[in-house]
Structures are given as structure tokens and as C-alpha cells.
Protein backbone atom coordinates (compact mmCIF):
# COMPACT_ATOMS: atom_id res chain seq x y z
CA UNK A 1 16.06 -139.43 -121.85
CA UNK A 2 17.51 -138.17 -125.10
CA UNK A 3 14.46 -136.49 -126.32
CA UNK A 4 14.34 -134.52 -122.64
CA UNK A 5 17.98 -133.68 -123.03
CA UNK A 6 17.46 -132.40 -126.68
CA UNK A 7 14.41 -130.43 -125.99
CA UNK A 8 16.24 -128.64 -122.73
CA UNK A 9 19.55 -128.18 -124.17
CA UNK A 10 20.34 -124.27 -124.02
CA UNK A 11 21.48 -124.41 -127.52
CA UNK A 12 18.03 -125.55 -128.71
CA UNK A 13 15.88 -123.21 -127.25
CA UNK A 14 15.08 -119.39 -127.54
CA UNK A 15 17.48 -116.92 -126.02
CA UNK A 16 14.76 -115.57 -123.22
CA UNK A 17 14.06 -119.43 -121.89
CA UNK A 18 18.12 -120.26 -121.88
CA UNK A 19 18.25 -119.94 -118.12
CA UNK A 20 14.85 -122.06 -117.26
CA UNK A 21 16.34 -124.61 -120.15
CA UNK A 22 19.78 -124.83 -118.22
CA UNK A 23 18.22 -125.68 -115.13
CA UNK A 24 16.13 -128.23 -116.76
CA UNK A 25 18.85 -129.90 -118.64
CA UNK A 26 21.13 -130.16 -115.50
CA UNK A 27 18.53 -132.03 -114.15
CA UNK A 28 17.85 -134.16 -116.94
CA UNK A 29 21.66 -134.83 -116.89
CA UNK A 30 21.78 -135.59 -113.29
CA UNK A 31 18.75 -138.38 -113.53
CA UNK A 32 20.59 -140.04 -116.64
CA UNK A 33 23.90 -140.07 -114.43
CA UNK A 34 21.57 -141.54 -111.66
CA UNK A 35 19.73 -144.11 -113.80
CA UNK A 36 23.23 -145.65 -115.74
CA UNK A 37 24.93 -146.20 -112.83
CA UNK A 38 24.04 -149.11 -110.49
CA UNK A 39 25.69 -147.98 -107.67
CA UNK A 40 23.70 -144.40 -107.62
CA UNK A 41 20.53 -146.11 -108.43
CA UNK A 42 20.53 -148.05 -105.54
CA UNK A 43 21.19 -145.25 -103.34
CA UNK A 44 18.31 -143.39 -104.97
CA UNK A 45 16.06 -146.64 -104.48
CA UNK A 46 16.80 -146.27 -100.75
CA UNK A 47 17.38 -142.41 -100.17
CA UNK A 48 15.77 -140.59 -102.79
CA UNK A 49 17.36 -137.20 -104.27
CA UNK A 50 18.49 -136.74 -100.75
CA UNK A 51 21.57 -139.18 -100.98
CA UNK A 52 22.51 -136.57 -103.53
CA UNK A 53 21.72 -133.23 -101.87
CA UNK A 54 23.14 -133.86 -98.04
CA UNK A 55 19.41 -134.75 -97.21
CA UNK A 56 18.30 -137.25 -94.86
CA UNK A 57 15.99 -140.33 -95.28
CA UNK A 58 14.72 -141.10 -98.94
CA UNK A 59 11.68 -141.86 -100.65
CA UNK A 60 11.09 -145.53 -100.13
CA UNK A 61 12.48 -148.42 -102.42
CA UNK A 62 12.33 -149.82 -106.03
CA UNK A 63 11.64 -146.41 -107.74
CA UNK A 64 11.64 -146.60 -111.44
CA UNK A 65 12.69 -143.75 -114.03
CA UNK A 66 9.03 -142.14 -113.82
CA UNK A 67 9.69 -142.00 -110.31
CA UNK A 68 12.94 -140.26 -110.66
CA UNK A 69 11.85 -137.89 -112.91
CA UNK A 70 8.77 -137.14 -111.39
CA UNK A 71 10.58 -136.37 -107.92
CA UNK A 72 12.97 -134.12 -109.74
CA UNK A 73 10.46 -132.61 -112.38
CA UNK A 74 7.17 -132.92 -111.12
CA UNK A 75 6.55 -134.78 -114.49
CA UNK A 76 6.30 -138.24 -115.95
CA UNK A 77 7.70 -139.36 -119.05
CA UNK A 78 4.87 -141.02 -120.71
CA UNK A 79 3.82 -139.11 -124.40
CA UNK A 80 7.59 -139.13 -125.24
CA UNK A 81 8.34 -141.03 -128.67
CA UNK A 82 9.84 -144.59 -127.39
CA UNK A 83 8.29 -144.27 -123.58
CA UNK A 84 5.32 -145.24 -124.16
CA UNK A 85 3.09 -146.31 -121.22
CA UNK A 86 4.82 -144.39 -118.33
CA UNK A 87 2.02 -141.67 -117.99
CA UNK A 88 1.89 -138.03 -120.00
CA UNK A 89 4.31 -135.28 -119.87
CA UNK A 90 2.81 -132.13 -117.88
CA UNK A 91 0.53 -133.49 -115.39
CA UNK A 92 -0.77 -137.31 -116.37
CA UNK A 93 1.60 -139.43 -114.46
CA UNK A 94 -0.84 -142.13 -113.53
CA UNK A 95 -0.86 -143.93 -110.82
CA UNK A 96 2.65 -144.91 -109.14
CA UNK A 97 3.84 -148.24 -108.71
CA UNK A 98 3.24 -149.91 -105.14
CA UNK A 99 5.98 -149.12 -102.23
CA UNK A 100 6.53 -150.89 -99.02
CA UNK A 101 4.86 -149.62 -96.28
CA UNK A 102 6.57 -148.85 -93.08
CA UNK A 103 7.17 -151.87 -90.27
CA UNK A 104 5.30 -151.66 -86.81
CA UNK A 105 7.72 -152.62 -83.90
CA UNK A 106 6.76 -153.27 -80.42
CA UNK A 107 8.21 -154.72 -77.45
CA UNK A 108 6.99 -158.06 -76.18
CA UNK A 109 7.35 -158.85 -72.44
CA UNK A 110 8.07 -162.67 -72.01
CA UNK A 111 9.01 -164.97 -68.76
CA UNK A 112 12.13 -166.85 -68.64
CA UNK A 113 9.68 -169.73 -68.43
CA UNK A 114 8.36 -168.81 -71.81
CA UNK A 115 11.61 -168.61 -73.41
CA UNK A 116 12.39 -172.19 -71.82
CA UNK A 117 9.48 -173.92 -73.01
CA UNK A 118 8.20 -171.97 -75.99
CA UNK A 119 5.14 -170.22 -76.43
CA UNK A 120 2.00 -169.55 -78.93
CA UNK A 121 0.64 -166.30 -78.67
CA UNK A 122 -2.73 -165.57 -79.92
CA UNK A 123 -4.32 -161.86 -80.13
CA UNK A 124 -6.73 -159.58 -81.97
CA UNK A 125 -5.20 -156.37 -83.44
CA UNK A 126 -6.88 -153.51 -84.47
CA UNK A 127 -5.38 -152.62 -88.28
CA UNK A 128 -6.21 -150.31 -91.40
CA UNK A 129 -7.22 -152.40 -94.07
CA UNK A 130 -8.14 -151.37 -97.91
CA UNK A 131 -12.12 -150.66 -98.09
CA UNK A 132 -13.55 -153.66 -99.66
CA UNK A 133 -16.52 -151.60 -100.51
CA UNK A 134 -14.62 -149.69 -102.88
CA UNK A 135 -11.45 -151.20 -103.54
CA UNK A 136 -9.33 -148.51 -102.17
CA UNK A 137 -10.42 -145.97 -104.45
CA UNK A 138 -12.13 -144.13 -102.15
CA UNK A 139 -15.36 -143.60 -104.39
CA UNK A 140 -18.75 -144.76 -105.15
CA UNK A 141 -19.32 -147.28 -107.98
CA UNK A 142 -18.90 -145.96 -111.30
CA UNK A 143 -18.16 -142.66 -110.48
CA UNK A 144 -14.53 -141.24 -111.87
CA UNK A 145 -12.36 -139.08 -109.33
CA UNK A 146 -11.07 -135.89 -110.30
CA UNK A 147 -7.58 -135.35 -110.86
CA UNK A 148 -6.05 -133.36 -107.78
CA UNK A 149 -5.45 -130.00 -108.97
CA UNK A 150 -2.73 -129.48 -106.37
CA UNK A 151 -0.47 -132.51 -107.16
CA UNK A 152 -1.83 -132.39 -110.66
CA UNK A 153 -2.37 -136.23 -110.56
CA UNK A 154 1.37 -137.44 -109.40
CA UNK A 155 -0.03 -137.82 -105.69
CA UNK A 156 3.51 -136.12 -104.42
CA UNK A 157 4.09 -132.81 -103.90
CA UNK A 158 7.67 -130.83 -103.88
CA UNK A 159 8.20 -129.51 -100.51
CA UNK A 160 11.31 -127.44 -99.18
CA UNK A 161 13.30 -129.04 -96.44
CA UNK A 162 15.84 -126.62 -93.97
CA UNK A 163 19.23 -128.13 -94.07
CA UNK A 164 20.88 -125.48 -92.07
CA UNK A 165 21.26 -121.33 -92.11
CA UNK A 166 20.55 -120.31 -95.74
CA UNK A 167 20.34 -123.93 -97.30
CA UNK A 168 17.17 -125.40 -98.30
CA UNK A 169 16.48 -128.73 -100.04
CA UNK A 170 13.97 -130.01 -102.25
CA UNK A 171 11.99 -133.22 -101.09
CA UNK A 172 8.91 -134.79 -102.42
CA UNK A 173 5.73 -135.83 -100.11
CA UNK A 174 2.64 -137.27 -100.55
CA UNK A 175 0.00 -134.78 -101.66
CA UNK A 176 -2.45 -133.86 -98.02
CA UNK A 177 -5.46 -133.34 -100.41
CA UNK A 178 -5.71 -136.71 -102.27
CA UNK A 179 -3.67 -138.54 -100.04
CA UNK A 180 -1.25 -139.81 -102.49
CA UNK A 181 -3.69 -141.20 -105.03
CA UNK A 182 -3.29 -138.15 -107.50
CA UNK A 183 -7.04 -138.14 -107.34
CA UNK A 184 -10.14 -137.12 -105.26
CA UNK A 185 -13.80 -137.57 -104.97
CA UNK A 186 -16.31 -135.11 -104.36
CA UNK A 187 -17.92 -135.47 -101.04
CA UNK A 188 -21.13 -136.57 -102.47
CA UNK A 189 -19.40 -139.19 -104.68
CA UNK A 190 -17.29 -140.78 -101.89
CA UNK A 191 -17.69 -144.11 -100.42
CA UNK A 192 -20.25 -144.35 -97.88
CA UNK A 193 -18.04 -146.98 -95.92
CA UNK A 194 -14.51 -145.48 -95.63
CA UNK A 195 -15.93 -141.74 -96.23
CA UNK A 196 -13.23 -141.42 -99.14
CA UNK A 197 -10.42 -142.19 -96.91
CA UNK A 198 -9.74 -145.36 -98.88
CA UNK A 199 -9.36 -147.88 -95.77
CA UNK A 200 -11.27 -148.99 -92.69
CA UNK A 201 -10.20 -150.25 -89.31
CA UNK A 202 -10.34 -153.87 -89.00
CA UNK A 203 -9.93 -156.20 -85.89
CA UNK A 204 -7.68 -159.06 -87.15
CA UNK A 205 -6.94 -162.20 -85.14
CA UNK A 206 -2.74 -162.59 -85.16
CA UNK A 207 -0.80 -165.51 -83.77
CA UNK A 208 3.21 -165.26 -83.00
CA UNK A 209 5.20 -168.25 -82.14
CA UNK A 210 8.02 -167.58 -79.59
CA UNK A 211 10.73 -170.61 -80.11
CA UNK A 212 12.25 -172.51 -77.14
CA UNK A 213 15.40 -170.81 -76.69
CA UNK A 214 14.87 -167.61 -77.84
CA UNK A 215 16.82 -164.31 -76.43
CA UNK A 216 16.18 -161.05 -75.16
CA UNK A 217 15.87 -158.80 -78.08
CA UNK A 218 14.89 -161.28 -80.78
CA UNK A 219 12.51 -160.42 -83.54
CA UNK A 220 9.23 -162.11 -84.25
CA UNK A 221 8.14 -160.68 -87.58
CA UNK A 222 4.63 -160.98 -88.74
CA UNK A 223 5.27 -160.49 -92.54
CA UNK A 224 2.82 -158.20 -94.40
CA UNK A 225 0.53 -157.67 -91.57
CA UNK A 226 0.86 -154.16 -90.81
CA UNK A 227 -1.30 -151.52 -91.71
CA UNK A 228 -2.50 -151.38 -95.16
CA UNK A 229 -2.19 -148.20 -97.22
CA UNK A 230 -3.46 -147.67 -101.12
CA UNK A 231 -0.79 -147.84 -103.62
CA UNK A 232 1.55 -149.62 -101.28
CA UNK A 233 2.75 -153.29 -100.05
CA UNK A 234 2.04 -153.82 -96.43
CA UNK A 235 5.01 -153.72 -94.01
CA UNK A 236 5.79 -156.12 -91.22
CA UNK A 237 4.37 -156.15 -87.42
CA UNK A 238 7.93 -156.89 -85.53
CA UNK A 239 7.74 -157.81 -81.90
CA UNK A 240 11.16 -157.51 -79.90
CA UNK A 241 11.30 -160.09 -77.11
CA UNK A 242 12.05 -158.08 -73.62
CA UNK A 243 12.86 -160.79 -71.19
CA UNK A 244 11.36 -160.23 -67.66
CA UNK A 245 13.77 -160.80 -64.69
CA UNK A 246 12.93 -164.18 -62.62
CA UNK A 247 13.18 -164.49 -58.91
CA UNK A 248 15.25 -167.97 -59.11
CA UNK A 249 17.24 -168.09 -62.20
CA UNK A 250 19.87 -165.83 -63.95
CA UNK A 251 20.56 -166.20 -67.62
CA UNK A 252 23.99 -166.01 -69.37
CA UNK A 253 23.34 -167.07 -72.98
CA UNK A 254 22.14 -170.90 -72.84
CA UNK A 255 23.38 -171.14 -69.47
CA UNK A 256 21.58 -170.55 -66.00
CA UNK A 257 22.53 -170.16 -62.70
CA UNK A 258 20.69 -170.25 -59.51
CA UNK A 259 21.46 -169.84 -55.35
CA UNK A 260 21.54 -173.44 -53.80
CA UNK A 261 20.88 -172.64 -50.09
CA UNK A 262 21.92 -175.28 -47.50
CA UNK A 263 21.71 -175.51 -43.64
CA UNK A 264 25.07 -175.69 -41.93
CA UNK A 265 24.30 -179.29 -41.25
CA UNK A 266 23.77 -180.12 -44.80
CA UNK A 267 27.18 -178.50 -46.00
CA UNK A 268 28.97 -180.42 -43.12
CA UNK A 269 26.99 -183.60 -43.37
CA UNK A 270 25.49 -184.03 -47.03
CA UNK A 271 22.09 -184.57 -48.31
CA UNK A 272 19.83 -186.11 -50.65
CA UNK A 273 16.72 -183.84 -51.71
CA UNK A 274 15.29 -181.62 -54.12
CA UNK A 275 16.86 -178.41 -54.19
CA UNK A 276 14.87 -176.15 -56.28
CA UNK A 277 11.93 -176.40 -59.20
CA UNK A 278 13.31 -175.97 -63.13
CA UNK A 279 11.29 -173.63 -65.30
CA UNK A 280 9.46 -176.16 -66.84
CA UNK A 281 7.84 -177.26 -63.30
CA UNK A 282 10.45 -180.36 -62.76
CA UNK A 283 12.12 -180.85 -59.40
CA UNK A 284 16.13 -180.74 -59.38
CA UNK A 285 17.32 -183.82 -56.92
CA UNK A 286 20.89 -183.20 -55.47
CA UNK A 287 22.68 -186.17 -53.70
CA UNK A 288 25.63 -184.58 -52.22
CA UNK A 289 27.70 -187.29 -50.35
CA UNK A 290 28.90 -187.35 -46.74
CA UNK A 291 32.30 -185.98 -45.98
CA UNK A 292 32.53 -183.41 -49.01
CA UNK A 293 32.29 -180.29 -47.31
CA UNK A 294 30.10 -177.57 -49.41
CA UNK A 295 31.68 -174.09 -48.59
CA UNK A 296 29.65 -170.47 -49.17
CA UNK A 297 30.41 -169.36 -52.49
CA UNK A 298 31.27 -172.82 -54.16
CA UNK A 299 29.71 -173.59 -57.42
CA UNK A 300 28.07 -176.65 -58.76
CA UNK A 301 27.77 -177.21 -62.50
CA UNK A 302 24.55 -179.48 -63.59
CA UNK A 303 25.22 -180.17 -67.76
CA UNK A 304 22.14 -180.26 -69.64
CA UNK A 305 20.15 -178.22 -67.22
CA UNK A 306 20.31 -174.80 -68.92
CA UNK A 307 18.38 -173.33 -71.28
CA UNK A 308 17.35 -175.05 -74.81
CA UNK A 309 19.35 -174.19 -77.68
CA UNK A 310 17.22 -172.83 -80.60
CA UNK A 311 18.48 -175.69 -83.08
CA UNK A 312 18.60 -179.52 -81.82
CA UNK A 313 18.06 -180.71 -78.68
CA UNK A 314 20.90 -179.69 -76.52
CA UNK A 315 20.83 -177.67 -73.74
CA UNK A 316 23.27 -175.25 -71.58
CA UNK A 317 24.00 -175.61 -68.06
CA UNK A 318 23.08 -174.97 -64.61
CA UNK A 319 25.27 -173.36 -62.01
CA UNK A 320 24.27 -173.71 -58.73
CA UNK A 321 25.96 -170.96 -56.23
CA UNK A 322 26.17 -172.44 -52.53
CA UNK A 323 24.45 -170.17 -49.73
CA UNK A 324 25.34 -171.68 -46.57
CA UNK A 325 22.32 -170.88 -44.02
CA UNK A 326 24.03 -170.25 -40.49
CA UNK A 327 21.93 -170.94 -37.15
CA UNK A 328 20.54 -168.11 -35.42
CA UNK A 329 22.42 -166.68 -32.38
CA UNK A 330 21.82 -168.44 -28.90
CA UNK A 331 20.45 -171.84 -30.88
CA UNK A 332 21.82 -173.76 -28.33
CA UNK A 333 21.21 -173.28 -24.67
CA UNK A 334 22.73 -176.52 -23.27
CA UNK A 335 26.09 -176.21 -21.98
CA UNK A 336 26.44 -179.93 -22.61
CA UNK A 337 25.67 -179.13 -26.05
CA UNK A 338 28.12 -176.90 -26.78
CA UNK A 339 30.73 -179.29 -25.28
CA UNK A 340 29.60 -182.33 -27.56
CA UNK A 341 29.87 -180.15 -30.65
CA UNK A 342 33.24 -178.68 -29.63
CA UNK A 343 34.36 -182.44 -29.79
CA UNK A 344 32.71 -183.05 -33.37
CA UNK A 345 34.14 -179.83 -34.83
CA UNK A 346 37.80 -179.83 -35.80
CA UNK A 347 39.93 -178.27 -33.46
CA UNK A 348 41.11 -174.54 -33.51
CA UNK A 349 44.64 -174.15 -34.74
CA UNK A 350 47.82 -173.51 -33.04
CA UNK A 351 47.88 -170.23 -30.21
CA UNK A 352 48.93 -167.23 -31.56
CA UNK A 353 51.55 -166.00 -29.30
CA UNK A 354 52.56 -161.90 -28.17
CA UNK A 355 54.51 -160.26 -25.82
CA UNK A 356 51.61 -157.64 -25.37
CA UNK A 357 48.16 -158.40 -25.76
CA UNK A 358 45.21 -155.77 -25.69
CA UNK A 359 41.42 -156.87 -25.28
CA UNK A 360 39.34 -154.64 -27.76
CA UNK A 361 35.89 -154.08 -28.44
CA UNK A 362 34.46 -154.80 -31.93
CA UNK A 363 31.47 -153.97 -34.08
CA UNK A 364 29.74 -157.54 -35.02
CA UNK A 365 27.99 -155.99 -38.01
CA UNK A 366 30.31 -153.65 -39.97
CA UNK A 367 29.92 -152.83 -43.78
CA UNK A 368 33.03 -153.41 -45.54
CA UNK A 369 31.92 -152.06 -48.45
CA UNK A 370 30.78 -148.76 -47.13
CA UNK A 371 34.64 -148.52 -46.15
CA UNK A 372 35.89 -149.38 -49.48
CA UNK A 373 33.61 -146.87 -51.13
CA UNK A 374 34.89 -144.23 -48.48
CA UNK A 375 38.32 -145.18 -49.56
CA UNK A 376 37.85 -145.19 -53.29
CA UNK A 377 35.85 -141.65 -52.89
CA UNK A 378 39.39 -140.30 -50.98
CA UNK A 379 41.49 -141.57 -53.56
CA UNK A 380 39.67 -139.98 -56.28
CA UNK A 381 39.53 -136.65 -54.34
CA UNK A 382 43.66 -136.62 -53.86
CA UNK A 383 43.94 -137.50 -57.53
CA UNK A 384 41.73 -134.31 -58.50
CA UNK A 385 44.13 -132.44 -55.75
CA UNK A 386 47.22 -132.93 -57.35
CA UNK A 387 46.53 -133.25 -61.18
CA UNK A 388 48.02 -130.85 -63.60
CA UNK A 389 45.90 -127.67 -64.68
CA UNK A 390 44.22 -128.19 -68.06
CA UNK A 391 46.10 -125.44 -70.18
CA UNK A 392 48.82 -125.00 -67.93
CA UNK A 393 51.79 -123.78 -69.33
CA UNK A 394 50.09 -122.70 -72.79
CA UNK A 395 50.58 -118.74 -71.89
CA UNK A 396 46.79 -118.11 -71.70
CA UNK A 397 46.15 -115.99 -68.74
CA UNK A 398 42.96 -117.78 -67.97
CA UNK A 399 44.62 -120.92 -66.97
CA UNK A 400 47.63 -121.70 -64.20
CA UNK A 401 51.17 -122.03 -65.58
CA UNK A 402 51.75 -125.97 -64.23
CA UNK A 403 50.39 -127.45 -60.99
CA UNK A 404 48.06 -125.81 -58.85
CA UNK A 405 49.13 -123.53 -56.45
CA UNK A 406 49.45 -125.21 -52.73
CA UNK A 407 48.28 -123.45 -49.50
CA UNK A 408 49.29 -125.08 -46.07
CA UNK A 409 46.04 -127.08 -46.23
CA UNK A 410 46.57 -128.43 -49.72
CA UNK A 411 49.87 -129.56 -48.63
CA UNK A 412 48.84 -131.45 -45.73
CA UNK A 413 46.01 -132.77 -47.66
CA UNK A 414 48.70 -133.96 -50.27
CA UNK A 415 50.52 -135.28 -47.56
CA UNK A 416 47.68 -137.61 -46.27
CA UNK A 417 47.08 -138.63 -50.24
CA UNK A 418 50.71 -139.87 -49.98
CA UNK A 419 49.63 -142.29 -46.94
CA UNK A 420 46.43 -143.73 -48.60
């Protein structure tokens, strides 16, 4: 590094080369500052030069001195005194150290039964692998490649990235001629299997295990099973679990809930039966004694019948929400049966007395939610009608001077709003 700084110091070069030397000297100084500071070097490892130019994503992971200088200057460090084994100056940078390839993510739909019991899934996947015939070189055996004349053997080329109006940043990208290898083969010298592409498509059997109690959004990782690329460590295949809706159960954390449908007779007189089939196929049996009335909306808690926890043998709880199924209209036709039923059921409360009584008609199938929705919209309209105007009292002629002007209709509407 010192040798480079001395070589490009503006005071050490002829005057006609001073302008170029100043640019190179600044780049060497910047590289030195990055390498000597652990935090800056970590930023460079993660984002490349974009981290220091206000750019976006960087060049990858774990770059060395040769990577930094190659990206900043388009050259390697080999050939310099005391810097042997790192490639040559002026276009003989040699192979770059392997970088990790990208991860491949995909959603994987799972049923609640799968998440309850756990599941092993076997499948075949097509992926790119290093060509076994040429070992990823892209050429025939004993044929030497030619150095790529576009990237000068570095495998990377400098690109310009538009950052904004009149603002351009330098970036580095794999050479599209040699696919980042720094070398290429003539067509007659290319590997017959991969046609010089260095990788081939292969079908590989894979297997994933979905553990009991896994959650929506959990990630199942197959390490190193993503597409292979020359000079890179393969990334991972990542499956993100997506839980499918269930017809019977709802899941909240480690707990489950379901409807418990009972007849009117069962709600009044008790019952003993299987009320539902669990996610593992077991029947859940409930004994509800006589004398304890089940009411609509009542919740029964069954401990230990929820989802299994990921670790250990414990489970969450199952909550059963009572739904009473009332008989259809006209289910009793016999007058004597009505009288018997009336005697069995609790008698009505005391009669309500009033000086004046009206017989009214009614709708026996009204929707209270519709009424609430209409009233809610009316309240919103009233709030908008009586709100102060934006920009009021600001002196701006585009806006009002306070509250909205009230005409006769608005005054009537606001009076109605006050009665809501």
C-alpha cells in the first residue's frame, strides 16, 4: 500500500501527470482508510464501494485487499514488493476468492394438520451445478483459456450507475463476456457438455422437515442447495411456511379454537359425546352434566389440546365456543306438547304494566350490523361537515378563513348531526 501511495504521490510525478496522480493518490488513501478501520472494512465487506458513495447494495461478502483495489482502480496488487501472491499489476489479478451465491426463497403452503403432526417432504429440484466434465472451467481438457480482453482477466468491469440528476456513481459488475471468470475459450475449445457455460442443469432429490408446532412464516433452510456458480459458495434454499386456512380450527399462537355446536336439548339437559375430530384424527369427547346450562357464546377450555410446542411435550389449549342450534319454526304441531313444554321451561317474568299499550308490527329478520354501519357513516359525514378547513386563518386566499360557511341546508344538517 505504501508503494502505491509513493508511486502516485503528486509530488513524485512529472507535472503533466500530476492531475491523474492526484486522482489515484486519493483512491489509494481511501482504500487505506477503509482497510485500517474495522467498521469501514465491515461496511465494505457488506456493501462494497456503494457504502461510501451513497449507493445501494454492494459487492458481496468477505472481500480482501485485492477486491478493494480491483473495484476502486480496476487492478490487482500482485507484483508489488512485499505483496506477492496476489496477482499482477496492470491486468493479471488472477482468480478472485469465492463469494457466497444468493439465497433462493419460496413460499411453501402447509396445512394445520402438517404443523400439528410434523411432516417430512421429499421432492426433486432442478438446479445449476458446476460442470463435472470441465470442473467449471468451461473448456476442453488441457486447453488453456484466453484472457478476457474486456475485463483484462479480472472478471469484473466498471459500470456507471445513475444516482440522480447529474449524479453518477461507479460500480463493479461481473463481466458479461467471460461470466466473471476473467478468461474465455474459443468456440472450438469449449466443453462439449456445458458449451462453455461452466454449469449444467441437474435434477437433485431434496428433503425438508417441518417440525411439530412450526408457525406461519417460519423458515426451513437447506444450506448450500441453491444454484451453483463458478468461484462462488452456493447459497441456501429457504422455504417460508404459509399456513392454509382450516375449516374447523383457528390458531392463535399455541392455542386452538373451534365451534362447539349443540342442540337446544343438549344445552339444557347435558350430553356425553364426541364433539369434533382433532388434527391428528382423535375424537374429542365431552361429558357435560345435566343441570349446567350451556349458553350461546360460552367458551369451554380444554387444557393441553392445542398446538404442540416446538420444544418439549407440552401443548397449548383448545377453546370451544358454544353455538346452540335452535329448532326450526313449527317443530311442534301438537297443542298438548306446547303446554307440556311451557310447564317444563321457566315461567316468564312479571308482566310489564303501562297506561297506554300499542300493538306494533316487527321484522323478525332484521340486520343490526347494517343499522350500525349506516349510523357510523352518518357520524363520519357529520364530522366532515363540521371540521375546520385546512389552511384556515393562514391568509392564503386559496383557503377559507375559519369554519366552513353554513348555508341553510348545512345548518339543518348540523342540527341533525347534533342529534346523532
